[in-house]
């Protein structure tokens, strides 16, 4: 592909044939082209791999939680009151058994609860109780940044 042969001729009265010597250069341009194409593909595809259900999260002044090595479990309460574990719709009466099965397979007891701002507080607390009954005691509430700070400034 990128290798070639150098033919050399000697000047003189006699014509001697020398063996063709292999060229010691490798053309890396095709390799670089392929790597750049793969880099662009991964850069475009990476943001599409996030798991989420569209909800309108309430805004608060709280900071972000530190990240874990294990992919976090996310439970979402939609505006109509439906419950989803990651992206799978789950009936409320099946929530605790499914959470217990998930908790048995995971090393971390951390779970993130995402609830639409239109969901009543009582519904969110019922889901938090189900999370606790399912074996998850480290519950993080997910919000959007930029909410009120209650110190006279808007965040």
C-alpha atoms as a PDB file:
ATOM      1  CA  UNK A   1       0.000   0.000   0.000  1.00  0.00           C
ATOM      2  CA  UNK A   2       2.553   2.570   1.069  1.00  0.00           C
ATOM      3  CA  UNK A   3       5.726   0.557   0.576  1.00  0.00           C
ATOM      4  CA  UNK A   4       7.649   0.658  -2.625  1.00  0.00           C
ATOM      5  CA  UNK A   5      10.914  -0.354  -4.213  1.00  0.00           C
ATOM      6  CA  UNK A   6      13.887   1.825  -4.999  1.00  0.00           C
ATOM      7  CA  UNK A   7      15.833   0.880  -8.127  1.00  0.00           C
ATOM      8  CA  UNK A   8      19.338   2.147  -8.348  1.00  0.00           C
ATOM      9  CA  UNK A   9      21.613   2.283 -11.363  1.00  0.00           C
ATOM     10  CA  UNK A  10      25.346   2.693 -11.187  1.00  0.00           C
ATOM     11  CA  UNK A  11      27.157   4.622 -13.791  1.00  0.00           C
ATOM     12  CA  UNK A  12      30.074   2.938 -15.439  1.00  0.00           C
ATOM     13  CA  UNK A  13      31.098   0.889 -18.382  1.00  0.00           C
ATOM     14  CA  UNK A  14      29.568  -2.268 -17.145  1.00  0.00           C
ATOM     15  CA  UNK A  15      25.906  -2.598 -16.451  1.00  0.00           C
ATOM     16  CA  UNK A  16      25.385  -4.313 -13.226  1.00  0.00           C
ATOM     17  CA  UNK A  17      22.053  -5.284 -11.933  1.00  0.00           C
ATOM     18  CA  UNK A  18      21.559  -4.656  -8.283  1.00  0.00           C
ATOM     19  CA  UNK A  19      18.810  -6.082  -6.293  1.00  0.00           C
ATOM     20  CA  UNK A  20      15.889  -3.837  -5.655  1.00  0.00           C
ATOM     21  CA  UNK A  21      15.967  -2.541  -2.087  1.00  0.00           C
ATOM     22  CA  UNK A  22      12.716  -2.222  -0.161  1.00  0.00           C
ATOM     23  CA  UNK A  23      11.680   1.296   0.742  1.00  0.00           C
ATOM     24  CA  UNK A  24      11.803   1.887   4.488  1.00  0.00           C
ATOM     25  CA  UNK A  25       8.898   4.330   4.639  1.00  0.00           C
ATOM     26  CA  UNK A  26       5.284   3.566   5.557  1.00  0.00           C
ATOM     27  CA  UNK A  27       2.433   5.781   4.486  1.00  0.00           C
ATOM     28  CA  UNK A  28       0.332   6.461   7.615  1.00  0.00           C
ATOM     29  CA  UNK A  29      -2.145   8.814   5.953  1.00  0.00           C
ATOM     30  CA  UNK A  30      -4.916   6.184   5.520  1.00  0.00           C
ATOM     31  CA  UNK A  31      -4.505   5.116   9.161  1.00  0.00           C
ATOM     32  CA  UNK A  32      -4.831   8.729  10.361  1.00  0.00           C
ATOM     33  CA  UNK A  33      -7.897   9.242   8.158  1.00  0.00           C
ATOM     34  CA  UNK A  34      -9.645   6.212   9.635  1.00  0.00           C
ATOM     35  CA  UNK A  35      -8.804   7.286  13.203  1.00  0.00           C
ATOM     36  CA  UNK A  36     -10.183  10.787  12.625  1.00  0.00           C
ATOM     37  CA  UNK A  37     -13.422   9.387  11.195  1.00  0.00           C
ATOM     38  CA  UNK A  38     -13.808   7.089  14.232  1.00  0.00           C
ATOM     39  CA  UNK A  39     -13.112   9.985  16.590  1.00  0.00           C
ATOM     40  CA  UNK A  40     -15.845  12.081  14.967  1.00  0.00           C
ATOM     41  CA  UNK A  41     -18.316   9.178  15.099  1.00  0.00           C
ATOM     42  CA  UNK A  42     -17.710   8.650  18.828  1.00  0.00           C
ATOM     43  CA  UNK A  43     -17.922  12.372  19.564  1.00  0.00           C
ATOM     44  CA  UNK A  44     -21.318  12.566  17.866  1.00  0.00           C
ATOM     45  CA  UNK A  45     -22.657   9.310  19.358  1.00  0.00           C
ATOM     46  CA  UNK A  46     -21.580   9.862  22.995  1.00  0.00           C
ATOM     47  CA  UNK A  47     -24.259  12.448  23.911  1.00  0.00           C
ATOM     48  CA  UNK A  48     -26.957  10.164  22.472  1.00  0.00           C
ATOM     49  CA  UNK A  49     -26.134   7.362  24.924  1.00  0.00           C
ATOM     50  CA  UNK A  50     -27.583   9.071  28.006  1.00  0.00           C
ATOM     51  CA  UNK A  51     -30.642   7.405  29.514  1.00  0.00           C
ATOM     52  CA  UNK A  52     -33.544   9.639  30.352  1.00  0.00           C
ATOM     53  CA  UNK A  53     -37.242  10.240  30.322  1.00  0.00           C
ATOM     54  CA  UNK A  54     -38.394  13.765  29.494  1.00  0.00           C
ATOM     55  CA  UNK A  55     -39.656  15.442  32.683  1.00  0.00           C
ATOM     56  CA  UNK A  56     -39.710  19.059  33.791  1.00  0.00           C
ATOM     57  CA  UNK A  57     -37.441  19.011  36.847  1.00  0.00           C
ATOM     58  CA  UNK A  58     -37.843  21.645  39.561  1.00  0.00           C
ATOM     59  CA  UNK A  59     -34.984  24.147  39.936  1.00  0.00           C
ATOM     60  CA  UNK A  60     -32.928  24.378  43.153  1.00  0.00           C
ATOM     61  CA  UNK A  61     -29.663  25.901  44.346  1.00  0.00           C
ATOM     62  CA  UNK A  62     -28.216  22.505  45.354  1.00  0.00           C
ATOM     63  CA  UNK A  63     -24.911  21.322  43.893  1.00  0.00           C
ATOM     64  CA  UNK A  64     -24.222  18.082  42.047  1.00  0.00           C
ATOM     65  CA  UNK A  65     -23.494  14.782  43.822  1.00  0.00           C
ATOM     66  CA  UNK A  66     -20.120  13.069  43.343  1.00  0.00           C
ATOM     67  CA  UNK A  67     -20.022  10.405  40.625  1.00  0.00           C
ATOM     68  CA  UNK A  68     -19.794   6.618  41.211  1.00  0.00           C
ATOM     69  CA  UNK A  69     -18.031   3.973  39.145  1.00  0.00           C
ATOM     70  CA  UNK A  70     -21.267   1.988  38.723  1.00  0.00           C
ATOM     71  CA  UNK A  71     -23.983   3.330  36.432  1.00  0.00           C
ATOM     72  CA  UNK A  72     -26.566   5.007  38.660  1.00  0.00           C
ATOM     73  CA  UNK A  73     -30.066   3.617  38.948  1.00  0.00           C
ATOM     74  CA  UNK A  74     -32.663   6.229  38.016  1.00  0.00           C
ATOM     75  CA  UNK A  75     -36.339   6.129  38.977  1.00  0.00           C
ATOM     76  CA  UNK A  76     -38.534   8.698  37.239  1.00  0.00           C
ATOM     77  CA  UNK A  77     -42.018   9.926  38.178  1.00  0.00           C
ATOM     78  CA  UNK A  78     -43.673  11.486  35.117  1.00  0.00           C
ATOM     79  CA  UNK A  79     -46.181  14.331  35.127  1.00  0.00           C
ATOM     80  CA  UNK A  80     -49.107  11.904  34.799  1.00  0.00           C
ATOM     81  CA  UNK A  81     -47.902   9.929  37.860  1.00  0.00           C
ATOM     82  CA  UNK A  82     -46.322   7.016  35.975  1.00  0.00           C
ATOM     83  CA  UNK A  83     -43.178   5.411  37.391  1.00  0.00           C
ATOM     84  CA  UNK A  84     -40.220   4.291  35.305  1.00  0.00           C
ATOM     85  CA  UNK A  85     -37.074   2.433  36.371  1.00  0.00           C
ATOM     86  CA  UNK A  86     -34.393   3.675  33.973  1.00  0.00           C
ATOM     87  CA  UNK A  87     -36.635   3.759  30.843  1.00  0.00           C
ATOM     88  CA  UNK A  88     -38.935   0.791  31.614  1.00  0.00           C
ATOM     89  CA  UNK A  89     -42.483   1.637  32.671  1.00  0.00           C
ATOM     90  CA  UNK A  90     -43.312  -0.047  35.986  1.00  0.00           C
ATOM     91  CA  UNK A  91     -46.644  -0.486  37.742  1.00  0.00           C
ATOM     92  CA  UNK A  92     -46.697   0.866  41.317  1.00  0.00           C
ATOM     93  CA  UNK A  93     -47.680  -2.494  42.789  1.00  0.00           C
ATOM     94  CA  UNK A  94     -44.637  -4.092  41.099  1.00  0.00           C
ATOM     95  CA  UNK A  95     -42.197  -1.340  42.123  1.00  0.00           C
ATOM     96  CA  UNK A  96     -40.942  -2.787  45.433  1.00  0.00           C
ATOM     97  CA  UNK A  97     -40.366  -6.363  44.141  1.00  0.00           C
ATOM     98  CA  UNK A  98     -38.474  -5.054  41.095  1.00  0.00           C
ATOM     99  CA  UNK A  99     -36.384  -2.746  43.269  1.00  0.00           C
ATOM    100  CA  UNK A 100     -35.509  -5.631  45.613  1.00  0.00           C
ATOM    101  CA  UNK A 101     -34.377  -7.728  42.644  1.00  0.00           C
ATOM    102  CA  UNK A 102     -32.273  -4.854  41.330  1.00  0.00           C
ATOM    103  CA  UNK A 103     -30.798  -4.145  44.778  1.00  0.00           C
ATOM    104  CA  UNK A 104     -29.711  -7.793  45.094  1.00  0.00           C
ATOM    105  CA  UNK A 105     -27.623  -7.458  41.898  1.00  0.00           C
ATOM    106  CA  UNK A 106     -26.022  -4.081  42.638  1.00  0.00           C
ATOM    107  CA  UNK A 107     -23.125  -3.218  44.922  1.00  0.00           C
ATOM    108  CA  UNK A 108     -24.327   0.335  45.591  1.00  0.00           C
ATOM    109  CA  UNK A 109     -27.514   1.372  47.362  1.00  0.00           C
ATOM    110  CA  UNK A 110     -27.547   4.760  45.588  1.00  0.00           C
ATOM    111  CA  UNK A 111     -30.550   5.639  43.446  1.00  0.00           C
ATOM    112  CA  UNK A 112     -31.553   8.888  41.755  1.00  0.00           C
ATOM    113  CA  UNK A 113     -35.183   9.980  41.908  1.00  0.00           C
ATOM    114  CA  UNK A 114     -36.379  12.275  39.132  1.00  0.00           C
ATOM    115  CA  UNK A 115     -39.871  13.694  39.553  1.00  0.00           C
ATOM    116  CA  UNK A 116     -41.720  16.137  37.363  1.00  0.00           C
ATOM    117  CA  UNK A 117     -42.381  19.471  39.091  1.00  0.00           C
ATOM    118  CA  UNK A 118     -46.140  19.003  38.567  1.00  0.00           C
ATOM    119  CA  UNK A 119     -46.227  15.762  40.615  1.00  0.00           C
ATOM    120  CA  UNK A 120     -47.706  16.212  44.107  1.00  0.00           C
ATOM    121  CA  UNK A 121     -45.310  16.007  47.050  1.00  0.00           C
ATOM    122  CA  UNK A 122     -47.238  13.056  48.511  1.00  0.00           C
ATOM    123  CA  UNK A 123     -46.624  11.008  45.352  1.00  0.00           C
ATOM    124  CA  UNK A 124     -42.890  11.709  45.489  1.00  0.00           C
ATOM    125  CA  UNK A 125     -42.793  10.666  49.152  1.00  0.00           C
ATOM    126  CA  UNK A 126     -44.682   7.429  48.371  1.00  0.00           C
ATOM    127  CA  UNK A 127     -42.088   6.577  45.713  1.00  0.00           C
ATOM    128  CA  UNK A 128     -39.269   7.406  48.156  1.00  0.00           C
ATOM    129  CA  UNK A 129     -40.852   5.022  50.677  1.00  0.00           C
ATOM    130  CA  UNK A 130     -41.005   2.326  47.994  1.00  0.00           C
ATOM    131  CA  UNK A 131     -37.335   2.936  47.175  1.00  0.00           C
ATOM    132  CA  UNK A 132     -36.437   2.522  50.836  1.00  0.00           C
ATOM    133  CA  UNK A 133     -38.540  -0.638  51.128  1.00  0.00           C
ATOM    134  CA  UNK A 134     -36.849  -1.955  47.971  1.00  0.00           C
ATOM    135  CA  UNK A 135     -33.408  -1.754  49.590  1.00  0.00           C
ATOM    136  CA  UNK A 136     -32.164   1.653  48.506  1.00  0.00           C
ATOM    137  CA  UNK A 137     -31.330   3.961  51.402  1.00  0.00           C
ATOM    138  CA  UNK A 138     -29.078   6.423  49.543  1.00  0.00           C
ATOM    139  CA  UNK A 139     -31.628   8.419  47.523  1.00  0.00           C
ATOM    140  CA  UNK A 140     -30.569  11.474  45.528  1.00  0.00           C
ATOM    141  CA  UNK A 141     -33.238  13.870  44.290  1.00  0.00           C
ATOM    142  CA  UNK A 142     -32.466  15.173  40.785  1.00  0.00           C
ATOM    143  CA  UNK A 143     -33.215  18.832  40.049  1.00  0.00           C
ATOM    144  CA  UNK A 144     -32.184  21.477  37.528  1.00  0.00           C
ATOM    145  CA  UNK A 145     -29.787  24.224  38.547  1.00  0.00           C
ATOM    146  CA  UNK A 146     -30.738  27.891  38.614  1.00  0.00           C
ATOM    147  CA  UNK A 147     -33.533  27.861  41.185  1.00  0.00           C
ATOM    148  CA  UNK A 148     -34.078  30.265  44.076  1.00  0.00           C
ATOM    149  CA  UNK A 149     -31.450  30.379  46.845  1.00  0.00           C
ATOM    150  CA  UNK A 150     -33.765  31.977  49.440  1.00  0.00           C
ATOM    151  CA  UNK A 151     -31.097  34.522  50.362  1.00  0.00           C
ATOM    152  CA  UNK A 152     -32.463  37.301  48.172  1.00  0.00           C
ATOM    153  CA  UNK A 153     -30.588  36.290  45.027  1.00  0.00           C
ATOM    154  CA  UNK A 154     -31.789  34.264  42.065  1.00  0.00           C
ATOM    155  CA  UNK A 155     -29.485  31.316  41.335  1.00  0.00           C
END
